[in-house]
Amino acid sequence: MIYAINKRTKEHRIHTPGYPSSQEEEFVESDADGWIPWEWRRGNPLPDGSRCDVLVSGRTVPNVVAHDGLSWECVTHYRPILDTKPEAPEWRGPQDGNPPAGTPVSVRTKECDSAAMVLANDHNIVVVRYESGLGFKYGGFDLSDVRPIRSAEDEAVHAMRAQDCEPFEGMLSRHDFCRAIYAAIRDGKIPGVKLEDAS
């Protein structure tokens, strides 16, 4: 097996004949099981945070997170763990069923909406780790209380809608609502939206 390794980023990919390569890549041959000899034995041969198996004194250490602090001088061979699975489609909400484990979501708690990470799910209960005022908590939420993380546009629209009166107080006129949105943009209360100086 031959790996193409980007000299600048250290990203590895399996070289496929006929696949275009760049001058930034060098080619390294591994053994039949994908092990690459680590002859220099210093420094991290992979991008920080990527995963690999390593051989240390003839023993395999599986699924290691590569980083500069690892004792690479003890490593004789390494085998990158490449992401070969196709990327799952983005979870758009309950209409897509349960969000897969590992999906970042927003959950509605008693206090507020909180950023969360899906750990597991069963039927319509989604188990997540979420942020609270005291750190991280774990909990099961009904699927109806789980939403995708809002986009920048969603955040801006949410902030704009917050400029209107509470429903029980009536509604602002269209004219007053536009003025309230303008003032909120001017005061920096609408994320991602700024006024240009027209002068």
N, C-alpha and C. Protein backbone atom coordinates (compact mmCIF):
# COMPACT_ATOMS: atom_id res chain seq x y z
N MET A 1 0.86 -1.17 0.00
CA MET A 1 0.00 0.00 0.00
C MET A 1 0.90 1.24 0.00
N ILE A 2 0.49 2.26 -0.74
CA ILE A 2 1.26 3.50 -0.81
C ILE A 2 0.40 4.64 -0.28
N TYR A 3 0.97 5.41 0.63
CA TYR A 3 0.29 6.59 1.17
C TYR A 3 0.84 7.84 0.50
N ALA A 4 -0.04 8.78 0.20
CA ALA A 4 0.36 10.12 -0.22
C ALA A 4 0.24 11.00 1.02
N ILE A 5 1.36 11.66 1.39
CA ILE A 5 1.40 12.45 2.61
C ILE A 5 1.70 13.90 2.26
N ASN A 6 0.83 14.80 2.69
CA ASN A 6 1.03 16.22 2.44
C ASN A 6 2.16 16.70 3.34
N LYS A 7 3.23 17.25 2.75
CA LYS A 7 4.41 17.66 3.52
C LYS A 7 4.10 18.81 4.47
N ARG A 8 3.15 19.65 4.12
CA ARG A 8 2.83 20.82 4.94
C ARG A 8 1.84 20.47 6.04
N THR A 9 0.73 19.80 5.70
CA THR A 9 -0.33 19.53 6.68
C THR A 9 -0.19 18.17 7.36
N LYS A 10 0.64 17.29 6.81
CA LYS A 10 0.85 15.92 7.30
C LYS A 10 -0.37 15.02 7.10
N GLU A 11 -1.36 15.47 6.33
CA GLU A 11 -2.52 14.63 6.06
C GLU A 11 -2.10 13.43 5.22
N HIS A 12 -2.67 12.26 5.54
CA HIS A 12 -2.38 11.02 4.84
C HIS A 12 -3.61 10.59 4.04
N ARG A 13 -3.38 10.02 2.89
CA ARG A 13 -4.44 9.36 2.13
C ARG A 13 -3.81 8.20 1.39
N ILE A 14 -4.62 7.21 1.09
CA ILE A 14 -4.12 6.08 0.31
C ILE A 14 -3.99 6.52 -1.13
N HIS A 15 -2.80 6.33 -1.69
CA HIS A 15 -2.56 6.76 -3.07
C HIS A 15 -3.25 5.80 -4.04
N THR A 16 -4.04 6.39 -4.92
CA THR A 16 -4.72 5.63 -5.95
C THR A 16 -4.09 6.01 -7.29
N PRO A 17 -3.53 5.04 -8.05
CA PRO A 17 -2.95 5.38 -9.35
C PRO A 17 -3.96 6.12 -10.22
N GLY A 18 -3.52 7.17 -10.85
CA GLY A 18 -4.39 7.98 -11.69
C GLY A 18 -5.06 9.11 -10.95
N TYR A 19 -5.05 9.05 -9.59
CA TYR A 19 -5.62 10.13 -8.79
C TYR A 19 -4.64 11.31 -8.82
N PRO A 20 -5.11 12.54 -9.11
CA PRO A 20 -4.18 13.65 -9.20
C PRO A 20 -3.47 13.89 -7.86
N SER A 21 -2.17 14.16 -7.94
CA SER A 21 -1.40 14.45 -6.74
C SER A 21 -0.76 15.82 -6.90
N SER A 22 -0.33 16.38 -5.77
CA SER A 22 0.27 17.71 -5.83
C SER A 22 1.75 17.61 -5.49
N GLN A 23 2.48 18.69 -5.75
CA GLN A 23 3.90 18.72 -5.44
C GLN A 23 4.14 18.77 -3.94
N GLU A 24 3.08 19.08 -3.17
CA GLU A 24 3.20 19.11 -1.72
C GLU A 24 3.17 17.72 -1.12
N GLU A 25 2.90 16.69 -1.93
CA GLU A 25 2.78 15.33 -1.41
C GLU A 25 4.05 14.52 -1.66
N GLU A 26 4.35 13.68 -0.67
CA GLU A 26 5.39 12.68 -0.86
C GLU A 26 4.73 11.32 -0.72
N PHE A 27 5.34 10.29 -1.29
CA PHE A 27 4.75 8.97 -1.29
C PHE A 27 5.59 8.04 -0.44
N VAL A 28 4.89 7.31 0.45
CA VAL A 28 5.56 6.40 1.37
C VAL A 28 4.89 5.05 1.26
N GLU A 29 5.71 3.98 1.15
CA GLU A 29 5.17 2.64 1.05
C GLU A 29 5.05 2.02 2.44
N SER A 30 3.92 1.40 2.68
CA SER A 30 3.69 0.70 3.94
C SER A 30 3.77 -0.80 3.67
N ASP A 31 3.68 -1.59 4.75
CA ASP A 31 3.59 -3.03 4.54
C ASP A 31 2.15 -3.39 4.15
N ALA A 32 1.89 -4.67 3.97
CA ALA A 32 0.57 -5.11 3.49
C ALA A 32 -0.55 -4.76 4.47
N ASP A 33 -0.23 -4.59 5.76
CA ASP A 33 -1.24 -4.26 6.76
C ASP A 33 -1.38 -2.75 6.99
N GLY A 34 -0.67 -1.95 6.21
CA GLY A 34 -0.80 -0.49 6.32
C GLY A 34 0.14 0.17 7.31
N TRP A 35 1.09 -0.58 7.89
CA TRP A 35 2.05 0.00 8.85
C TRP A 35 3.13 0.78 8.10
N ILE A 36 3.36 2.00 8.55
CA ILE A 36 4.40 2.86 7.98
C ILE A 36 5.56 2.91 8.97
N PRO A 37 6.78 2.58 8.51
CA PRO A 37 7.92 2.67 9.43
C PRO A 37 8.14 4.13 9.85
N TRP A 38 8.39 4.36 11.13
CA TRP A 38 8.66 5.71 11.62
C TRP A 38 10.14 5.77 11.96
N GLU A 39 10.94 6.03 10.91
CA GLU A 39 12.40 5.98 11.04
C GLU A 39 12.96 7.17 11.80
N TRP A 40 12.33 8.31 11.67
CA TRP A 40 12.88 9.51 12.32
C TRP A 40 12.68 9.46 13.82
N ARG A 41 11.56 8.85 14.23
CA ARG A 41 11.24 8.65 15.64
C ARG A 41 11.27 9.94 16.46
N ARG A 42 10.93 11.02 15.83
CA ARG A 42 10.78 12.27 16.59
C ARG A 42 9.68 13.08 15.94
N GLY A 43 8.90 13.72 16.78
CA GLY A 43 7.81 14.52 16.25
C GLY A 43 6.64 13.68 15.77
N ASN A 44 5.55 14.33 15.61
CA ASN A 44 4.30 13.70 15.21
C ASN A 44 4.21 13.65 13.69
N PRO A 45 4.09 12.45 13.09
CA PRO A 45 4.01 12.38 11.62
C PRO A 45 2.63 12.67 11.06
N LEU A 46 1.65 12.88 11.94
CA LEU A 46 0.26 13.06 11.51
C LEU A 46 -0.28 14.41 11.98
N PRO A 47 -1.39 14.89 11.40
CA PRO A 47 -2.01 16.11 11.92
C PRO A 47 -2.48 15.89 13.36
N ASP A 48 -2.30 16.89 14.21
CA ASP A 48 -2.77 16.79 15.60
C ASP A 48 -4.24 16.42 15.63
N GLY A 49 -4.60 15.49 16.51
CA GLY A 49 -5.99 15.10 16.68
C GLY A 49 -6.42 13.95 15.80
N SER A 50 -5.59 13.58 14.80
CA SER A 50 -5.98 12.43 13.98
C SER A 50 -5.70 11.15 14.76
N ARG A 51 -6.28 10.07 14.31
CA ARG A 51 -6.14 8.80 15.03
C ARG A 51 -5.25 7.84 14.25
N CYS A 52 -4.54 6.99 15.01
CA CYS A 52 -3.68 6.01 14.38
C CYS A 52 -3.45 4.86 15.36
N ASP A 53 -2.96 3.75 14.83
CA ASP A 53 -2.44 2.67 15.65
C ASP A 53 -0.93 2.84 15.65
N VAL A 54 -0.26 2.48 16.75
CA VAL A 54 1.21 2.58 16.78
C VAL A 54 1.78 1.25 17.26
N LEU A 55 3.02 0.97 16.82
CA LEU A 55 3.78 -0.18 17.30
C LEU A 55 4.86 0.35 18.23
N VAL A 56 4.86 -0.16 19.47
CA VAL A 56 5.88 0.20 20.45
C VAL A 56 6.45 -1.11 20.98
N SER A 57 7.74 -1.31 20.80
CA SER A 57 8.41 -2.55 21.24
C SER A 57 7.68 -3.79 20.74
N GLY A 58 7.22 -3.75 19.49
CA GLY A 58 6.56 -4.90 18.88
C GLY A 58 5.11 -5.10 19.31
N ARG A 59 4.58 -4.24 20.18
CA ARG A 59 3.19 -4.36 20.63
C ARG A 59 2.35 -3.28 19.97
N THR A 60 1.14 -3.66 19.56
CA THR A 60 0.23 -2.71 18.94
C THR A 60 -0.53 -1.94 20.02
N VAL A 61 -0.52 -0.61 19.89
CA VAL A 61 -1.34 0.25 20.73
C VAL A 61 -2.39 0.84 19.79
N PRO A 62 -3.66 0.39 19.93
CA PRO A 62 -4.67 0.80 18.95
C PRO A 62 -5.30 2.16 19.26
N ASN A 63 -5.77 2.81 18.20
CA ASN A 63 -6.63 3.99 18.28
C ASN A 63 -6.07 5.10 19.17
N VAL A 64 -4.87 5.52 18.87
CA VAL A 64 -4.18 6.58 19.61
C VAL A 64 -4.51 7.93 18.96
N VAL A 65 -4.73 8.96 19.77
CA VAL A 65 -4.90 10.31 19.24
C VAL A 65 -3.51 10.90 19.06
N ALA A 66 -3.16 11.21 17.82
CA ALA A 66 -1.82 11.72 17.52
C ALA A 66 -1.69 13.17 17.97
N HIS A 67 -0.61 13.46 18.69
CA HIS A 67 -0.30 14.83 19.10
C HIS A 67 1.18 14.92 19.39
N ASP A 68 1.71 16.14 19.46
CA ASP A 68 3.15 16.33 19.63
C ASP A 68 3.66 15.84 20.98
N GLY A 69 2.79 15.78 22.00
CA GLY A 69 3.21 15.35 23.32
C GLY A 69 3.39 13.84 23.45
N LEU A 70 2.98 13.06 22.43
CA LEU A 70 3.13 11.61 22.48
C LEU A 70 4.61 11.25 22.38
N SER A 71 5.02 10.17 23.02
CA SER A 71 6.44 9.75 23.00
C SER A 71 6.76 9.06 21.67
N TRP A 72 6.89 9.85 20.62
CA TRP A 72 7.11 9.30 19.28
C TRP A 72 8.46 8.61 19.15
N GLU A 73 9.41 8.94 20.04
CA GLU A 73 10.73 8.29 19.96
C GLU A 73 10.64 6.79 20.28
N CYS A 74 9.56 6.34 20.92
CA CYS A 74 9.35 4.92 21.23
C CYS A 74 8.59 4.19 20.13
N VAL A 75 8.04 4.93 19.18
CA VAL A 75 7.20 4.35 18.12
C VAL A 75 8.09 3.90 16.96
N THR A 76 7.92 2.64 16.55
CA THR A 76 8.69 2.14 15.40
C THR A 76 7.87 2.19 14.11
N HIS A 77 6.54 2.03 14.22
CA HIS A 77 5.65 2.06 13.06
C HIS A 77 4.33 2.71 13.48
N TYR A 78 3.65 3.29 12.52
CA TYR A 78 2.31 3.82 12.78
C TYR A 78 1.41 3.49 11.60
N ARG A 79 0.11 3.43 11.88
CA ARG A 79 -0.87 3.13 10.82
C ARG A 79 -2.02 4.12 10.98
N PRO A 80 -2.15 5.07 10.04
CA PRO A 80 -3.24 6.05 10.14
C PRO A 80 -4.60 5.37 10.08
N ILE A 81 -5.53 5.90 10.86
CA ILE A 81 -6.92 5.45 10.77
C ILE A 81 -7.64 6.51 9.94
N LEU A 82 -7.89 6.15 8.69
CA LEU A 82 -8.48 7.10 7.75
C LEU A 82 -9.99 7.01 7.79
N ASP A 83 -10.63 8.14 7.67
CA ASP A 83 -12.09 8.18 7.65
C ASP A 83 -12.54 7.78 6.26
N THR A 84 -12.96 6.54 6.14
CA THR A 84 -13.38 6.05 4.82
C THR A 84 -14.89 5.98 4.69
N LYS A 85 -15.59 6.24 5.82
CA LYS A 85 -17.06 6.18 5.75
C LYS A 85 -17.58 7.44 5.08
N PRO A 86 -18.61 7.31 4.24
CA PRO A 86 -19.20 8.52 3.68
C PRO A 86 -19.83 9.35 4.79
N GLU A 87 -19.78 10.64 4.64
CA GLU A 87 -20.33 11.53 5.65
C GLU A 87 -21.85 11.37 5.72
N ALA A 88 -22.34 11.25 6.95
CA ALA A 88 -23.79 11.09 7.14
C ALA A 88 -24.49 12.39 6.79
N PRO A 89 -25.69 12.31 6.26
CA PRO A 89 -26.41 13.55 5.96
C PRO A 89 -26.68 14.32 7.25
N GLU A 90 -26.72 15.63 7.14
CA GLU A 90 -26.95 16.48 8.30
C GLU A 90 -28.35 16.25 8.86
N TRP A 91 -28.43 16.13 10.20
CA TRP A 91 -29.72 15.96 10.85
C TRP A 91 -30.42 17.31 10.86
N ARG A 92 -31.62 17.37 10.28
CA ARG A 92 -32.34 18.64 10.13
C ARG A 92 -33.42 18.84 11.16
N GLY A 93 -33.69 17.83 11.98
CA GLY A 93 -34.74 17.96 12.98
C GLY A 93 -35.52 16.68 13.13
N PRO A 94 -36.55 16.67 14.00
CA PRO A 94 -37.33 15.46 14.27
C PRO A 94 -37.93 14.82 13.02
N GLN A 95 -38.13 15.59 11.95
CA GLN A 95 -38.66 14.99 10.72
C GLN A 95 -37.70 13.96 10.14
N ASP A 96 -36.41 14.01 10.53
CA ASP A 96 -35.42 13.02 10.08
C ASP A 96 -35.32 11.84 11.04
N GLY A 97 -36.19 11.77 12.05
CA GLY A 97 -36.08 10.71 13.05
C GLY A 97 -35.12 11.14 14.14
N ASN A 98 -34.58 10.16 14.87
CA ASN A 98 -33.64 10.46 15.95
C ASN A 98 -32.30 10.93 15.39
N PRO A 99 -31.65 11.90 16.04
CA PRO A 99 -30.33 12.31 15.59
C PRO A 99 -29.31 11.23 15.92
N PRO A 100 -28.35 10.95 15.02
CA PRO A 100 -27.35 9.93 15.30
C PRO A 100 -26.44 10.35 16.45
N ALA A 101 -25.86 9.36 17.14
CA ALA A 101 -24.89 9.64 18.20
C ALA A 101 -23.75 10.46 17.61
N GLY A 102 -23.30 11.45 18.39
CA GLY A 102 -22.22 12.33 17.93
C GLY A 102 -22.71 13.60 17.28
N THR A 103 -24.02 13.74 17.09
CA THR A 103 -24.58 14.93 16.44
C THR A 103 -24.68 16.07 17.45
N PRO A 104 -24.11 17.26 17.14
CA PRO A 104 -24.33 18.41 18.02
C PRO A 104 -25.75 18.92 17.82
N VAL A 105 -26.45 19.17 18.93
CA VAL A 105 -27.84 19.62 18.88
C VAL A 105 -28.07 20.70 19.93
N SER A 106 -29.27 21.23 19.95
CA SER A 106 -29.73 22.15 20.98
C SER A 106 -30.89 21.46 21.68
N VAL A 107 -30.88 21.47 23.03
CA VAL A 107 -31.97 20.86 23.78
C VAL A 107 -32.66 21.93 24.62
N ARG A 108 -33.98 21.76 24.78
CA ARG A 108 -34.77 22.69 25.57
C ARG A 108 -34.83 22.16 26.99
N THR A 109 -34.16 22.85 27.93
CA THR A 109 -34.20 22.48 29.34
C THR A 109 -35.20 23.39 30.05
N LYS A 110 -35.38 23.21 31.35
CA LYS A 110 -36.29 24.07 32.10
C LYS A 110 -35.80 25.51 32.12
N GLU A 111 -34.46 25.68 32.13
CA GLU A 111 -33.89 27.02 32.22
C GLU A 111 -33.83 27.72 30.86
N CYS A 112 -33.34 27.02 29.83
CA CYS A 112 -33.12 27.67 28.52
C CYS A 112 -32.77 26.60 27.50
N ASP A 113 -32.45 27.03 26.29
CA ASP A 113 -31.92 26.11 25.29
C ASP A 113 -30.44 25.96 25.54
N SER A 114 -29.92 24.73 25.46
CA SER A 114 -28.51 24.46 25.74
C SER A 114 -27.89 23.66 24.60
N ALA A 115 -26.62 23.95 24.31
CA ALA A 115 -25.87 23.16 23.34
C ALA A 115 -25.65 21.77 23.94
N ALA A 116 -25.75 20.74 23.11
CA ALA A 116 -25.63 19.36 23.60
C ALA A 116 -25.00 18.47 22.54
N MET A 117 -24.54 17.30 22.99
CA MET A 117 -24.00 16.28 22.09
C MET A 117 -24.80 15.00 22.31
N VAL A 118 -25.32 14.43 21.23
CA VAL A 118 -26.12 13.21 21.33
C VAL A 118 -25.20 12.03 21.66
N LEU A 119 -25.56 11.29 22.71
CA LEU A 119 -24.80 10.11 23.11
C LEU A 119 -25.48 8.83 22.62
N ALA A 120 -26.80 8.79 22.70
CA ALA A 120 -27.57 7.61 22.28
C ALA A 120 -29.03 8.02 22.16
N ASN A 121 -29.83 7.13 21.61
CA ASN A 121 -31.27 7.39 21.57
C ASN A 121 -32.02 6.08 21.51
N ASP A 122 -33.26 6.12 21.98
CA ASP A 122 -34.11 4.95 21.98
C ASP A 122 -35.54 5.43 21.77
N HIS A 123 -36.14 5.00 20.69
CA HIS A 123 -37.48 5.46 20.30
C HIS A 123 -37.46 6.99 20.23
N ASN A 124 -38.25 7.68 21.01
CA ASN A 124 -38.28 9.14 20.94
C ASN A 124 -37.54 9.81 22.09
N ILE A 125 -36.70 9.07 22.80
CA ILE A 125 -35.89 9.65 23.88
C ILE A 125 -34.45 9.76 23.38
N VAL A 126 -33.88 10.97 23.50
CA VAL A 126 -32.53 11.24 23.05
C VAL A 126 -31.67 11.52 24.28
N VAL A 127 -30.61 10.75 24.46
CA VAL A 127 -29.70 10.91 25.60
C VAL A 127 -28.55 11.81 25.16
N VAL A 128 -28.33 12.89 25.92
CA VAL A 128 -27.31 13.87 25.54
C VAL A 128 -26.45 14.29 26.73
N ARG A 129 -25.31 14.87 26.40
CA ARG A 129 -24.50 15.60 27.38
C ARG A 129 -24.70 17.06 27.02
N TYR A 130 -25.12 17.87 28.00
CA TYR A 130 -25.43 19.26 27.67
C TYR A 130 -24.78 20.21 28.67
N GLU A 131 -24.65 21.47 28.24
CA GLU A 131 -24.05 22.50 29.07
C GLU A 131 -25.09 23.07 30.02
N SER A 132 -24.68 23.26 31.26
CA SER A 132 -25.55 23.95 32.22
C SER A 132 -24.69 24.99 32.92
N GLY A 133 -25.30 25.77 33.77
CA GLY A 133 -24.55 26.79 34.50
C GLY A 133 -23.47 26.22 35.40
N LEU A 134 -23.59 24.94 35.74
CA LEU A 134 -22.64 24.30 36.65
C LEU A 134 -21.70 23.34 35.93
N GLY A 135 -21.62 23.40 34.63
CA GLY A 135 -20.77 22.47 33.87
C GLY A 135 -21.64 21.59 33.00
N PHE A 136 -21.16 20.38 32.74
CA PHE A 136 -21.90 19.46 31.88
C PHE A 136 -22.83 18.58 32.70
N LYS A 137 -23.99 18.28 32.12
CA LYS A 137 -24.95 17.36 32.71
C LYS A 137 -25.33 16.34 31.65
N TYR A 138 -25.90 15.24 32.11
CA TYR A 138 -26.37 14.19 31.21
C TYR A 138 -27.87 14.02 31.42
N GLY A 139 -28.60 13.77 30.34
CA GLY A 139 -30.03 13.62 30.50
C GLY A 139 -30.69 13.04 29.27
N GLY A 140 -31.91 12.55 29.47
CA GLY A 140 -32.72 12.05 28.37
C GLY A 140 -33.80 13.07 28.06
N PHE A 141 -33.96 13.39 26.79
CA PHE A 141 -34.93 14.40 26.36
C PHE A 141 -35.87 13.80 25.33
N ASP A 142 -37.11 14.22 25.38
CA ASP A 142 -38.06 13.84 24.35
C ASP A 142 -37.60 14.44 23.03
N LEU A 143 -37.78 13.70 21.96
CA LEU A 143 -37.33 14.15 20.64
C LEU A 143 -37.89 15.53 20.29
N SER A 144 -39.09 15.86 20.79
CA SER A 144 -39.69 17.17 20.49
C SER A 144 -38.92 18.32 21.14
N ASP A 145 -38.06 18.02 22.14
CA ASP A 145 -37.27 19.05 22.81
C ASP A 145 -35.85 19.15 22.26
N VAL A 146 -35.57 18.46 21.16
CA VAL A 146 -34.23 18.44 20.55
C VAL A 146 -34.32 19.08 19.18
N ARG A 147 -33.41 20.03 18.93
CA ARG A 147 -33.39 20.73 17.64
C ARG A 147 -31.97 20.77 17.10
N PRO A 148 -31.85 20.96 15.79
CA PRO A 148 -30.51 21.18 15.23
C PRO A 148 -29.93 22.49 15.78
N ILE A 149 -28.63 22.58 15.79
CA ILE A 149 -27.98 23.84 16.16
C ILE A 149 -28.40 24.87 15.13
N ARG A 150 -28.76 26.04 15.62
CA ARG A 150 -29.23 27.08 14.70
C ARG A 150 -28.08 27.64 13.85
N SER A 151 -28.41 27.96 12.60
CA SER A 151 -27.45 28.60 11.71
C SER A 151 -27.32 30.07 12.11
N ALA A 152 -26.35 30.75 11.51
CA ALA A 152 -26.18 32.18 11.78
C ALA A 152 -27.45 32.95 11.41
N GLU A 153 -28.10 32.54 10.32
CA GLU A 153 -29.34 33.20 9.91
C GLU A 153 -30.43 32.96 10.96
N ASP A 154 -30.52 31.70 11.45
CA ASP A 154 -31.52 31.40 12.48
C ASP A 154 -31.29 32.24 13.72
N GLU A 155 -30.02 32.39 14.12
CA GLU A 155 -29.70 33.19 15.32
C GLU A 155 -30.12 34.65 15.11
N ALA A 156 -29.85 35.18 13.91
CA ALA A 156 -30.21 36.58 13.64
C ALA A 156 -31.73 36.75 13.65
N VAL A 157 -32.46 35.82 13.03
CA VAL A 157 -33.92 35.91 13.00
C VAL A 157 -34.48 35.80 14.42
N HIS A 158 -33.93 34.88 15.21
CA HIS A 158 -34.37 34.73 16.60
C HIS A 158 -34.17 36.04 17.37
N ALA A 159 -33.01 36.66 17.18
CA ALA A 159 -32.73 37.93 17.87
C ALA A 159 -33.67 39.03 17.38
N MET A 160 -33.99 39.04 16.08
CA MET A 160 -34.91 40.05 15.55
C MET A 160 -36.32 39.85 16.11
N ARG A 161 -36.77 38.59 16.16
CA ARG A 161 -38.11 38.32 16.68
C ARG A 161 -38.21 38.70 18.15
N ALA A 162 -37.10 38.65 18.88
CA ALA A 162 -37.11 39.01 20.29
C ALA A 162 -37.34 40.51 20.49
N GLN A 163 -37.25 41.29 19.41
CA GLN A 163 -37.47 42.73 19.53
C GLN A 163 -38.95 43.08 19.60
N ASP A 164 -39.82 42.13 19.27
CA ASP A 164 -41.26 42.36 19.31
C ASP A 164 -41.77 42.25 20.75
N CYS A 165 -42.96 42.71 20.99
CA CYS A 165 -43.59 42.61 22.31
C CYS A 165 -43.86 41.16 22.64
N GLU A 166 -44.07 40.88 23.92
CA GLU A 166 -44.56 39.57 24.33
C GLU A 166 -45.98 39.42 23.77
N PRO A 167 -46.36 38.19 23.38
CA PRO A 167 -47.69 38.01 22.77
C PRO A 167 -48.83 38.57 23.61
N PHE A 168 -48.77 38.44 24.92
CA PHE A 168 -49.87 38.92 25.75
C PHE A 168 -49.90 40.44 25.84
N GLU A 169 -48.84 41.12 25.35
CA GLU A 169 -48.81 42.59 25.37
C GLU A 169 -49.31 43.19 24.06
N GLY A 170 -49.73 42.36 23.13
CA GLY A 170 -50.12 42.87 21.83
C GLY A 170 -48.94 42.77 20.87
N MET A 171 -48.98 43.52 19.80
CA MET A 171 -47.88 43.49 18.84
C MET A 171 -47.51 44.91 18.47
N LEU A 172 -46.23 45.11 18.12
CA LEU A 172 -45.79 46.40 17.62
C LEU A 172 -46.36 46.60 16.21
N SER A 173 -46.57 47.84 15.85
CA SER A 173 -46.95 48.10 14.46
C SER A 173 -45.76 47.74 13.58
N ARG A 174 -46.00 47.52 12.31
CA ARG A 174 -44.91 47.19 11.39
C ARG A 174 -43.84 48.28 11.43
N HIS A 175 -44.26 49.53 11.45
CA HIS A 175 -43.34 50.66 11.50
C HIS A 175 -42.47 50.61 12.77
N ASP A 176 -43.10 50.42 13.93
CA ASP A 176 -42.35 50.36 15.19
C ASP A 176 -41.44 49.13 15.27
N PHE A 177 -41.92 48.01 14.70
CA PHE A 177 -41.11 46.80 14.70
C PHE A 177 -39.84 47.00 13.87
N CYS A 178 -39.97 47.64 12.70
CA CYS A 178 -38.80 47.93 11.86
C CYS A 178 -37.82 48.85 12.60
N ARG A 179 -38.33 49.84 13.31
CA ARG A 179 -37.47 50.73 14.10
C ARG A 179 -36.76 49.95 15.22
N ALA A 180 -37.49 49.04 15.85
CA ALA A 180 -36.89 48.23 16.93
C ALA A 180 -35.77 47.35 16.38
N ILE A 181 -35.97 46.77 15.20
CA ILE A 181 -34.92 45.94 14.58
C ILE A 181 -33.72 46.81 14.22
N TYR A 182 -33.97 47.98 13.62
CA TYR A 182 -32.88 48.89 13.28
C TYR A 182 -32.06 49.24 14.53
N ALA A 183 -32.75 49.58 15.61
CA ALA A 183 -32.05 49.95 16.86
C ALA A 183 -31.25 48.76 17.40
N ALA A 184 -31.81 47.56 17.30
CA ALA A 184 -31.10 46.37 17.79
C ALA A 184 -29.85 46.11 16.95
N ILE A 185 -29.94 46.29 15.63
CA ILE A 185 -28.76 46.13 14.77
C ILE A 185 -27.72 47.19 15.12
N ARG A 186 -28.17 48.44 15.24
CA ARG A 186 -27.27 49.54 15.59
C ARG A 186 -26.55 49.26 16.91
N ASP A 187 -27.27 48.68 17.88
CA ASP A 187 -26.71 48.44 19.21
C ASP A 187 -25.96 47.11 19.30
N GLY A 188 -25.82 46.40 18.17
CA GLY A 188 -25.06 45.14 18.16
C GLY A 188 -25.77 43.96 18.78
N LYS A 189 -27.10 43.99 18.84
CA LYS A 189 -27.86 42.91 19.46
C LYS A 189 -28.26 41.81 18.48
N ILE A 190 -28.02 42.03 17.19
CA ILE A 190 -28.37 41.04 16.18
C ILE A 190 -27.07 40.43 15.66
N PRO A 191 -26.79 39.16 15.97
CA PRO A 191 -25.52 38.56 15.56
C PRO A 191 -25.38 38.48 14.05
N GLY A 192 -24.18 38.83 13.57
CA GLY A 192 -23.87 38.70 12.14
C GLY A 192 -24.41 39.80 11.27
N VAL A 193 -25.04 40.83 11.85
CA VAL A 193 -25.62 41.92 11.05
C VAL A 193 -25.05 43.24 11.58
N LYS A 194 -24.50 44.05 10.65
CA LYS A 194 -23.95 45.35 11.03
C LYS A 194 -24.43 46.40 10.05
N LEU A 195 -24.52 47.63 10.54
CA LEU A 195 -24.88 48.74 9.68
C LEU A 195 -23.63 49.28 9.02
N GLU A 196 -23.76 49.63 7.74
CA GLU A 196 -22.65 50.28 7.05
C GLU A 196 -22.79 51.78 7.25
N ASP A 197 -21.67 52.42 7.37
CA ASP A 197 -21.68 53.88 7.52
C ASP A 197 -21.96 54.47 6.14
N ALA A 198 -23.11 55.12 6.01
CA ALA A 198 -23.54 55.65 4.72
C ALA A 198 -22.92 57.00 4.39
N SER A 199 -22.14 57.57 5.28
CA SER A 199 -21.59 58.90 5.01
C SER A 199 -20.38 58.86 4.11
